[in-house]
Protein backbone atom coordinates (compact mmCIF):
# COMPACT_ATOMS: atom_id res chain seq x y z
CA VAL A 1 120.90 107.57 91.13
CA LEU A 2 120.65 111.58 91.84
CA SER A 3 117.62 113.45 89.92
CA PHE A 4 117.89 116.98 91.73
CA VAL A 5 114.95 118.07 89.58
CA CYS A 6 112.39 115.78 91.55
CA TRP A 7 114.09 116.57 94.84
CA ILE A 8 112.94 120.55 94.62
CA TRP A 9 109.51 119.63 93.26
CA LYS A 10 108.32 116.92 94.99
CA ASP A 11 104.70 117.42 94.02
CA SER A 12 105.20 118.56 90.53
CA ILE A 13 104.27 115.69 87.60
CA THR A 14 105.83 118.34 85.15
CA ALA A 15 108.86 118.49 86.84
CA GLN A 16 109.45 114.86 88.01
CA GLN A 17 109.09 114.08 84.19
CA ILE A 18 111.48 116.59 83.30
CA GLY A 19 113.95 115.48 85.82
CA SER A 20 113.35 111.85 86.47
CA GLY A 21 116.52 109.98 85.00
CA PHE A 22 114.56 106.55 84.72
CA HIS A 23 111.16 107.59 83.34
CA GLY A 24 111.50 110.95 82.43
CA LEU A 25 113.81 113.12 80.25
CA GLY A 26 116.73 113.21 83.08
CA ILE A 27 117.55 116.63 82.96
CA GLY A 28 119.75 116.80 86.30
CA SER A 29 119.91 113.63 86.68
CA PHE A 30 123.44 111.43 87.08
CA ALA A 31 124.51 108.33 88.59
CA LEU A 32 127.36 106.84 90.42
CA ASP A 33 127.18 103.08 90.15
CA TRP A 34 129.30 101.90 87.31
CA MET A 35 127.11 99.59 86.29
CA THR A 36 124.49 102.14 85.44
CA ILE A 37 127.04 103.75 83.60
CA SER A 38 128.48 101.40 81.41
CA GLY A 39 126.06 98.55 81.95
CA TYR A 40 123.63 99.40 78.76
CA LEU A 41 126.07 101.30 76.46
CA GLY A 42 129.43 99.80 76.95
CA SER A 43 132.48 101.24 79.22
CA PRO A 44 132.81 105.04 78.07
CA LEU A 45 136.39 104.83 78.97
CA ALA A 46 136.60 102.38 75.78
CA THR A 47 134.39 104.38 73.52
CA PRO A 48 135.85 106.81 70.66
CA THR A 49 135.37 110.46 71.62
CA TYR A 50 133.16 111.03 67.82
CA VAL A 51 130.89 108.17 68.53
CA MET A 52 129.84 109.72 72.21
CA VAL A 53 129.36 113.03 70.20
CA ASN A 54 127.10 111.43 67.71
CA THR A 55 125.21 109.15 70.44
CA MET A 56 124.52 112.27 72.27
CA ALA A 57 123.38 114.07 69.25
CA GLY A 58 121.07 111.64 68.41
CA PHE A 59 119.77 111.30 72.14
CA ILE A 60 119.60 115.11 72.43
CA LEU A 61 117.42 114.93 69.25
CA ILE A 62 114.81 112.58 70.23
CA LEU A 63 114.74 113.03 73.91
CA TYR A 64 114.78 116.85 73.85
CA VAL A 65 112.99 117.92 70.74
CA LEU A 66 110.71 115.41 68.94
CA VAL A 67 109.59 113.70 72.57
CA PRO A 68 108.86 117.10 74.59
CA PHE A 69 107.05 118.55 71.26
CA THR A 70 105.03 116.00 70.70
CA TYR A 71 104.03 115.01 74.24
CA TRP A 72 103.35 118.57 75.32
CA ASN A 73 101.42 119.16 71.89
CA ASN A 74 99.07 115.81 72.95
CA GLY A 75 100.27 114.21 69.72
CA TYR A 76 98.81 110.75 69.69
CA ASP A 77 96.83 111.36 72.88
CA ALA A 78 100.65 111.27 74.69
CA LYS A 79 99.49 112.30 77.60
CA ARG A 80 97.01 109.65 78.57
CA PHE A 81 100.56 107.73 79.12
CA PRO A 82 103.73 108.26 81.08
CA ILE A 83 106.11 110.16 78.50
CA PHE A 84 109.10 108.16 78.92
CA SER A 85 107.94 103.82 79.40
CA SER A 86 108.75 100.73 77.29
CA ASP A 87 105.41 99.49 78.64
CA ILE A 88 102.16 99.19 76.43
CA PHE A 89 98.90 100.90 77.44
CA ASP A 90 95.18 100.59 76.35
CA VAL A 91 92.90 103.49 75.77
CA ASP A 92 92.36 104.41 79.40
CA GLY A 93 95.86 104.98 80.09
CA GLN A 94 96.41 101.07 82.16
CA LEU A 95 99.04 98.54 81.00
CA TYR A 96 97.58 96.46 78.25
CA ASN A 97 96.03 93.44 79.37
CA VAL A 98 97.49 91.10 76.61
CA SER A 99 95.67 88.30 77.83
CA ARG A 100 92.12 89.47 76.56
CA ILE A 101 93.01 89.25 73.06
CA LEU A 102 94.52 85.91 72.92
CA ASP A 103 93.21 82.96 71.84
CA GLU A 104 93.76 80.34 75.30
CA LYS A 105 93.71 77.33 73.33
CA SER A 106 95.81 78.19 70.45
CA PHE A 107 97.92 81.12 71.78
CA THR A 108 96.94 83.21 68.40
CA PHE A 109 95.57 86.57 68.07
CA ASP A 110 91.65 87.02 68.63
CA GLU A 111 90.55 89.79 66.59
CA GLU A 112 87.04 90.02 68.02
CA ALA A 113 88.38 90.18 71.42
CA TYR A 114 90.59 92.96 70.68
CA ASN A 115 87.60 95.07 68.61
CA ASN A 116 85.73 94.89 72.18
CA TYR A 117 88.69 95.84 74.24
CA SER A 118 91.27 98.54 73.15
CA LYS A 119 93.60 99.61 70.64
CA LEU A 120 97.11 99.32 71.89
CA TYR A 121 99.25 102.63 72.62
CA PHE A 122 102.70 103.73 73.08
CA SER A 123 104.75 106.18 75.06
CA THR A 124 105.60 109.23 73.29
CA TYR A 125 109.41 108.24 73.35
CA LEU A 126 108.68 104.69 72.49
CA ILE A 127 107.08 105.99 69.34
CA TYR A 128 110.23 107.49 68.14
CA CYS A 129 112.53 104.86 68.97
CA TYR A 130 111.00 102.54 66.86
CA GLY A 131 111.04 105.41 64.14
CA PHE A 132 115.11 105.90 64.97
CA THR A 133 115.62 102.30 65.30
CA LEU A 134 114.57 102.09 61.47
CA ALA A 135 116.22 104.71 60.45
CA THR A 136 119.67 102.97 62.14
CA PHE A 137 118.80 100.14 59.74
CA SER A 138 118.62 102.15 56.48
CA SER A 139 121.03 104.71 57.32
CA SER A 140 123.85 101.83 57.70
CA ILE A 141 122.93 100.52 54.35
CA SER A 142 123.37 103.42 53.06
CA HIS A 143 126.28 105.12 54.90
CA VAL A 144 128.13 101.92 53.81
CA VAL A 145 127.36 101.73 50.30
CA LEU A 146 128.25 105.56 50.48
CA PHE A 147 131.42 105.60 51.96
CA TYR A 148 132.86 102.08 51.40
CA GLY A 149 131.46 101.24 47.98
CA SER A 150 130.79 98.08 46.55
CA ARG A 151 134.09 98.27 44.28
CA SER A 152 136.64 98.71 47.14
CA VAL A 153 134.66 96.23 49.25
CA TRP A 154 134.94 94.10 46.27
CA GLN A 155 138.82 94.53 45.78
CA GLN A 156 139.51 94.25 49.73
CA PHE A 157 137.37 91.12 49.45
CA ALA A 158 139.56 89.57 46.53
CA LYS A 159 142.88 90.75 48.20
CA SER A 160 142.17 88.65 51.18
CA TYR A 161 142.46 85.41 48.87
CA GLN A 162 145.55 86.51 47.53
CA SER A 163 148.79 85.86 49.04
CA GLN A 164 150.58 88.55 48.12
CA ARG A 165 150.76 91.91 50.33
CA GLN A 166 150.19 90.56 53.21
CA ASP A 167 150.84 92.52 56.95
CA VAL A 168 153.10 91.33 59.11
CA HIS A 169 150.58 89.71 61.30
CA THR A 170 149.32 87.30 58.68
CA ARG A 171 152.97 86.23 57.77
CA LEU A 172 153.65 85.32 61.24
CA MET A 173 150.59 83.46 61.53
CA LYS A 174 150.82 81.44 58.39
CA GLN A 175 154.38 80.81 59.23
CA ASN A 176 153.64 79.31 62.69
CA TYR A 177 150.15 78.17 63.07
CA GLU A 178 147.80 76.45 60.68
CA SER A 179 144.80 77.69 59.73
CA ILE A 180 141.23 76.72 60.45
CA PRO A 181 139.71 74.27 57.70
CA SER A 182 136.63 75.85 56.04
CA TRP A 183 134.80 72.59 56.20
CA TRP A 184 134.67 73.10 60.20
CA PHE A 185 132.84 76.65 59.42
CA TYR A 186 130.25 74.82 57.17
CA SER A 187 130.05 71.82 59.54
CA ILE A 188 128.75 74.06 62.05
CA LEU A 189 126.60 76.36 59.82
CA PHE A 190 125.05 73.35 58.38
CA SER A 191 124.07 71.44 61.25
CA MET A 192 123.01 74.07 63.28
CA MET A 193 120.75 75.20 60.43
CA GLY A 194 119.28 71.87 60.40
CA PHE A 195 118.62 71.24 64.11
CA ALA A 196 116.87 74.63 63.96
CA ILE A 197 114.50 73.33 61.25
CA LEU A 198 114.32 69.89 62.92
CA VAL A 199 113.20 71.97 65.94
CA CYS A 200 110.94 73.94 64.11
CA GLU A 201 109.18 71.35 62.41
CA ILE A 202 108.57 69.26 65.23
CA PHE A 203 107.61 71.70 67.53
CA SER A 204 105.90 73.54 65.01
CA GLU A 205 102.53 74.14 67.16
CA GLN A 206 104.13 75.26 69.92
CA LEU A 207 106.67 77.65 68.20
CA GLN A 208 104.19 78.59 65.59
CA LEU A 209 107.03 78.30 62.99
CA ARG A 210 108.02 76.45 60.09
CA TYR A 211 110.94 75.36 58.33
CA TRP A 212 110.89 78.59 56.03
CA GLY A 213 111.21 80.68 58.81
CA VAL A 214 114.66 79.66 59.22
CA LEU A 215 115.83 79.32 56.41
CA LEU A 216 114.37 83.14 55.93
CA ALA A 217 116.32 84.10 59.33
CA CYS A 218 119.35 82.95 57.92
CA ALA A 219 119.23 84.08 54.16
CA LEU A 220 118.65 87.89 55.98
CA VAL A 221 121.37 87.32 58.01
CA PHE A 222 123.76 86.61 55.61
CA ILE A 223 122.91 89.64 53.78
CA PHE A 224 122.95 91.99 56.57
CA LEU A 225 126.44 90.87 57.85
CA PHE A 226 128.75 92.72 56.09
CA PRO A 227 126.91 96.12 56.79
CA GLU A 228 126.91 95.49 60.49
CA GLY A 229 130.50 94.21 60.16
CA VAL A 230 131.43 97.28 58.73
CA LEU A 231 130.15 99.89 61.37
CA ALA A 232 131.00 97.49 63.80
CA ALA A 233 134.76 97.50 62.57
CA THR A 234 134.84 101.16 61.86
CA ALA A 235 132.39 102.84 64.55
CA SER A 236 132.06 100.39 67.55
CA SER A 237 128.89 100.86 66.78
CA GLY A 238 126.14 98.98 64.28
CA PHE A 239 122.41 98.88 63.41
CA SER A 240 120.01 96.35 65.32
CA VAL A 241 118.17 93.90 62.90
CA LYS A 242 115.93 92.38 65.37
CA LEU A 243 113.25 95.34 64.45
CA PHE A 244 113.31 94.50 60.49
CA LEU A 245 112.95 90.83 61.08
CA GLU A 246 110.40 91.65 63.70
CA ILE A 247 108.66 93.42 61.01
CA VAL A 248 109.03 91.10 58.20
CA ILE A 249 107.93 88.19 60.10
CA GLY A 250 104.94 90.33 61.70
CA TYR A 251 103.64 91.13 57.98
CA LEU A 252 104.35 87.61 56.81
CA HIS A 253 102.87 85.34 59.58
CA PRO A 254 100.71 88.11 61.92
CA GLY A 255 98.82 87.02 65.04
CA ARG A 256 101.40 84.65 66.38
CA PRO A 257 103.66 85.86 68.97
CA ILE A 258 105.78 82.83 69.55
CA ALA A 259 106.64 82.51 65.77
CA ASN A 260 107.69 86.57 65.95
CA ILE A 261 109.85 85.82 69.06
CA ALA A 262 111.50 82.84 67.51
CA PHE A 263 112.03 84.00 64.07
CA THR A 264 113.79 86.91 65.39
CA THR A 265 116.09 85.17 68.12
CA TYR A 266 116.93 82.81 65.26
CA GLY A 267 118.07 85.97 62.98
CA PHE A 268 119.06 88.59 65.55
CA PHE A 269 121.03 86.10 67.93
CA ALA A 270 123.04 84.29 64.63
CA LEU A 271 123.94 87.90 63.51
CA PHE A 272 125.51 88.64 66.85
CA MET A 273 127.17 85.59 67.26
CA ALA A 274 128.72 85.93 63.63
CA LEU A 275 129.79 89.31 64.38
CA ASN A 276 131.08 88.45 67.60
CA PHE A 277 133.12 85.08 66.62
CA THR A 278 134.69 87.32 64.07
CA SER A 279 135.66 89.66 66.51
CA MET A 280 137.62 87.18 68.66
CA LEU A 281 139.02 85.77 65.89
CA LYS A 282 140.65 89.51 64.95
CA THR A 283 141.72 90.11 68.36
CA SER A 284 143.78 86.39 68.46
CA HIS A 285 145.07 87.17 65.08
CA TYR A 286 146.77 90.30 66.54
CA MET A 287 147.78 88.34 69.96
CA LYS A 288 149.21 85.68 67.80
CA ILE A 289 147.05 82.71 69.57
CA PRO A 290 146.72 79.79 67.26
CA PRO A 291 143.61 79.85 65.24
CA LYS A 292 142.40 76.50 66.05
CA ILE A 293 142.89 76.86 69.85
CA ILE A 294 140.72 80.11 69.56
CA PHE A 295 138.19 78.21 67.47
CA LEU A 296 137.49 75.47 69.82
CA VAL A 297 137.49 77.80 72.85
CA GLN A 298 134.85 79.73 71.56
CA ILE A 299 132.48 76.82 70.72
CA LEU A 300 133.23 75.36 73.97
CA GLY A 301 132.28 78.55 75.68
CA THR A 302 129.54 78.99 73.37
CA LEU A 303 127.90 75.69 74.69
CA LEU A 304 128.71 76.34 78.19
CA SER A 305 127.45 79.93 78.61
CA CYS A 306 124.12 78.07 76.59
CA VAL A 307 124.17 76.04 80.10
CA ILE A 308 124.77 78.02 82.56
CA GLY A 309 122.62 80.70 80.98
CA PHE A 310 119.40 78.70 80.47
CA THR A 311 119.90 77.24 84.16
CA VAL A 312 120.28 80.40 86.03
CA ALA A 313 117.43 82.21 84.25
CA TRP A 314 115.25 79.48 85.22
CA TRP A 315 116.53 79.04 89.05
CA PHE A 316 115.63 82.81 89.55
CA LEU A 317 112.58 82.33 87.38
CA TYR A 318 111.45 79.78 90.17
CA SER A 319 113.31 81.51 93.07
CA VAL A 320 112.48 84.84 93.22
CA GLU A 321 109.24 86.04 94.06
CA ASN A 322 107.61 88.49 92.01
CA ILE A 323 110.66 88.64 89.34
CA CYS A 324 110.11 91.32 86.49
CA HIS A 325 107.30 92.90 88.39
CA PRO A 326 108.87 95.92 89.50
CA GLU A 327 105.79 97.01 91.41
CA LEU A 328 105.29 93.75 93.45
CA LEU A 329 109.17 93.40 94.17
CA PRO A 330 110.60 94.66 97.96
CA LYS A 331 112.91 97.77 97.98
CA GLY A 332 115.98 97.82 96.67
CA SER A 333 115.46 94.35 94.45
CA PRO A 334 117.53 94.66 91.15
CA TRP A 335 115.03 92.26 89.47
CA THR A 336 113.47 94.57 87.46
CA CYS A 337 113.94 93.12 83.73
CA PRO A 338 113.91 96.02 81.73
CA THR A 339 115.12 94.36 78.45
CA GLU A 340 112.61 91.51 79.05
CA ARG A 341 109.78 93.17 79.97
CA ARG A 342 110.94 95.31 76.55
CA PHE A 343 111.08 92.19 74.62
CA PHE A 344 107.67 91.15 75.94
CA SER A 345 105.95 94.73 74.27
CA VAL A 346 107.59 94.00 71.51
CA GLY A 347 106.53 90.41 70.94
CA VAL A 348 102.75 91.91 71.93
CA THR A 349 102.87 94.70 69.32
CA TRP A 350 104.60 92.76 65.91
CA GLY A 351 103.66 89.20 66.61
CA VAL A 352 100.06 89.45 68.29
CA ILE A 353 98.40 92.62 66.70
CA GLY A 354 100.99 92.60 63.93
CA PRO A 355 102.62 95.83 62.07
CA ALA A 356 99.30 95.86 59.68
CA LYS A 357 96.97 96.83 62.52
CA MET A 358 99.77 98.95 64.66
CA PHE A 359 101.40 100.66 61.63
CA TYR A 360 101.09 100.74 58.07
CA PRO A 361 98.13 100.45 56.17
CA HIS A 362 95.87 100.41 59.36
CA GLY A 363 97.33 101.47 62.22
CA THR A 364 97.90 104.78 64.36
CA TYR A 365 101.95 104.83 64.35
CA SER A 366 102.52 104.77 60.48
CA ILE A 367 104.78 107.51 60.93
CA ILE A 368 107.92 104.90 61.86
CA PHE A 369 108.13 103.86 58.37
CA VAL A 370 108.86 107.72 57.04
CA PHE A 371 112.12 107.27 59.01
CA PHE A 372 113.13 104.52 57.33
CA ILE A 373 113.42 107.30 54.23
CA ILE A 374 114.75 109.86 56.48
CA GLY A 375 117.54 107.11 57.37
CA LEU A 376 118.17 106.25 53.67
CA LEU A 377 118.49 109.85 52.71
CA ALA A 378 120.38 111.43 55.68
CA PRO A 379 123.98 109.87 54.95
CA VAL A 380 123.99 111.68 51.62
CA PRO A 381 124.62 115.48 52.39
CA VAL A 382 127.52 113.94 54.41
CA TRP A 383 128.90 112.25 51.80
CA ILE A 384 128.69 114.83 49.45
CA LEU A 385 130.33 117.46 51.82
CA SER A 386 133.21 114.83 52.25
CA ARG A 387 133.64 114.85 48.61
CA ILE A 388 133.24 118.68 48.48
CA TYR A 389 135.66 119.48 51.23
CA PRO A 390 138.02 116.43 51.48
CA GLU A 391 140.46 118.25 53.85
CA LYS A 392 138.10 119.10 56.65
CA LYS A 393 137.98 115.44 58.08
CA TRP A 394 135.63 115.97 60.77
CA ILE A 395 132.96 116.00 58.21
CA ARG A 396 133.55 112.11 57.83
CA LEU A 397 133.10 112.01 61.24
CA ILE A 398 129.29 113.11 61.32
CA ASN A 399 128.03 109.13 61.39
CA TRP A 400 123.95 108.99 61.15
CA PRO A 401 124.06 105.38 61.49
CA VAL A 402 125.19 106.24 65.15
CA ILE A 403 123.04 108.92 65.51
CA PHE A 404 119.98 106.99 65.05
CA SER A 405 121.25 103.83 67.05
CA VAL A 406 120.02 105.53 70.28
CA GLY A 407 116.37 104.22 69.43
CA HIS A 408 117.51 100.40 69.71
CA ALA A 409 119.44 101.35 72.96
CA MET A 410 116.30 102.81 74.96
CA PRO A 411 115.42 101.13 77.06
CA PRO A 412 117.13 99.17 78.56
CA ALA A 413 119.24 102.45 78.60
CA THR A 414 117.43 105.23 80.21
CA PRO A 415 118.42 109.08 80.28
CA VAL A 416 120.34 108.73 83.09
CA ASN A 417 122.38 106.23 81.67
CA PHE A 418 123.10 107.98 79.05
CA TRP A 419 124.43 111.50 80.43
CA SER A 420 126.16 109.66 82.91
CA TRP A 421 128.27 107.42 80.14
CA PHE A 422 128.88 110.73 78.13
CA VAL A 423 129.90 112.70 81.02
CA VAL A 424 132.75 110.06 82.36
CA GLY A 425 133.78 109.39 78.87
CA ILE A 426 134.35 113.17 77.63
CA ILE A 427 136.56 113.39 81.04
CA PHE A 428 138.55 110.58 80.36
CA ASN A 429 138.79 110.54 76.44
CA TYR A 430 138.85 114.21 75.91
CA PHE A 431 140.29 116.27 79.11
CA ILE A 432 142.50 113.38 80.52
CA PHE A 433 143.42 112.41 76.75
CA ARG A 434 144.46 116.20 75.85
CA LYS A 435 146.03 116.73 79.58
CA PHE A 436 147.65 113.51 80.70
CA LYS A 437 147.97 111.76 77.20
CA GLN A 438 150.82 109.52 78.82
CA TRP A 439 148.87 108.39 81.59
CA TRP A 440 145.88 108.02 79.54
CA ALA A 441 148.05 105.56 77.29
CA ARG A 442 149.14 103.37 79.85
CA TYR A 443 146.29 103.15 82.15
CA ASN A 444 142.80 104.27 80.75
CA TYR A 445 141.79 100.98 79.21
CA VAL A 446 143.40 98.83 82.05
CA LEU A 447 141.20 100.80 84.57
CA SER A 448 138.29 100.30 82.50
CA ALA A 449 139.00 96.75 81.91
CA GLY A 450 139.71 96.54 85.78
CA LEU A 451 136.01 98.75 86.48
CA ASP A 452 134.28 95.75 84.52
CA THR A 453 135.79 92.84 85.86
CA GLY A 454 135.34 94.25 89.62
CA ALA A 455 131.39 95.23 88.90
CA ALA A 456 130.73 91.58 87.49
CA PHE A 457 132.66 89.86 90.04
CA LEU A 458 130.64 91.83 92.90
CA THR A 459 127.11 91.35 91.26
CA ILE A 460 127.90 87.60 91.53
CA ILE A 461 129.16 87.81 95.15
CA VAL A 462 125.97 89.92 96.10
CA THR A 463 123.42 87.96 94.17
CA LEU A 464 124.38 84.52 95.63
CA PHE A 465 125.35 85.60 99.12
CA LEU A 466 122.75 88.46 100.03
CA GLU A 467 120.11 89.05 96.99
CA ILE A 468 118.68 85.23 96.34
CA ARG A 469 118.67 85.47 100.04
CA GLY A 470 116.13 88.56 100.17
CA VAL A 471 118.82 90.52 101.64
CA TYR A 472 119.31 93.83 99.72
CA GLY A 473 120.73 96.13 102.19
CA PRO A 474 120.18 98.73 105.39
CA ASN A 475 117.11 100.31 105.16
CA TRP A 476 117.72 104.22 103.75
CA TRP A 477 116.75 106.16 100.84
CA GLY A 478 119.73 105.11 98.83
CA LEU A 479 119.06 101.38 98.51
CA GLU A 480 115.74 102.20 96.09
CA MET A 481 116.05 100.80 92.79
CA GLY A 482 114.47 104.28 91.32
CA ASP A 483 115.34 107.72 91.19
CA HIS A 484 112.86 109.28 93.84
CA CYS A 485 110.65 110.44 91.03
CA PRO A 486 107.03 108.67 91.87
CA LEU A 487 105.29 110.88 89.78
CA ALA A 488 107.43 111.06 86.68
CA HIS A 489 105.15 108.11 85.24
CA CYS A 490 101.99 109.87 85.75
CA PRO A 491 99.55 110.77 82.94
CA THR A 492 98.96 114.38 82.57
CA ALA A 493 95.55 114.12 80.51
CA PRO A 494 92.73 115.08 82.52
CA GLY A 495 90.31 112.44 83.84
CA VAL A 496 92.74 109.24 83.46
CA ILE A 497 93.22 107.66 86.64
CA VAL A 498 96.30 105.65 87.32
CA GLU A 499 97.30 104.01 90.58
CA GLY A 500 99.53 106.09 93.09
CA CYS A 501 99.02 109.39 90.37
CA PRO A 502 96.97 112.46 90.99
CA VAL A 503 93.88 112.98 88.85
CA ILE A 504 94.23 116.27 86.69
CA LYS A 505 90.69 117.77 86.39
């Protein structure tokens, strides 16, 4: 990662906060690694230009308007903490010691210990990430209702069950292949729900969740599957239902972190798998693959991925020393776990302490619920303008759910991921598309698939044959996984002492 500002001002906290691609605002930073470019935001070569523009509009709004204004005006005591971090902190600017507020026996929230220790604090950017994520959720509902109203949706739903006016793909598939029996889907749905309920009842003390949690999670998935599917189909994007699930269980079942994580996991992955399953069935429909075959392949692939994923994760946890502790890892080690660390912070915020103490009505950060209202209202002016000026097609391309979606992408995505992704995407999908359209049509998506596949294979080879043996490469400055901005994570409030940072007087 290249962060030019940090190279010039090596001793300035403020300059490194501005220039750091990992821990700051990312101005002047860029990455040359394809995994950094596409790893968290998807391939820029396969993303429509208007989606990239909407995404970057949200990125600029949150990171170059809201965050600097709040941080340098010291809102929420922001200067006591890093400007950009997914970690959680105590009042002294240190990483929050969660073990001090948990009961050792029941693994539940100890309010007395919490009152004797410290409130929990966020970095400035994390406050607005939560707000934008909530706005994504509400704006998605508003956007779908306004632009794809219930009447047109119902008409399309009814047409799907009628035999007339079928497109050529549907006619060919029905002529050549048997459809998937409905009872296959129902069998998987009810058997998996029953198994989840059984697990929660048998291990209720360990999971801290009962049968009603599984039923509620499934009900919420059923409600939000449609608007999420519409956004995924029309904008290659969508909203994250994670935050809403965390809020619901946080209010209903506070002080139980494992229950919060279990409920969120059931709901989020049920929705994710439903969308992924539908997407693959749609792709196979156009490729004329027998429906029953693709169904069985998906089921088998899901089972294999569960077993392999669990086994590999367990193996790494026991074989990689200091995994997920970046400050203790050797130079060049990739085992920093940004997604898992964000998940940990979320579990503490919504599961241990709970939204009532962190946000509304007794918390410091109740402002994030204002974003729910903002998200609900934001698509309305766009919809009105699109009705007044139907000839101006660009108005309908303003997509507030996509604009707000940067909130749930950061982290693990950081500023350098966004800038690198956007620059590469604009080069291919705007400039090359306009100047060399024939080349673009023939090679763009092939190149995207090739880069993704090559990076995936290289990751496996390097991990199995080098990194698992502690070999990370030759000792040079480019080996470091950071961006050469060691002061970017430092606080700027006077008197706050953080290891590795100068103390401001």
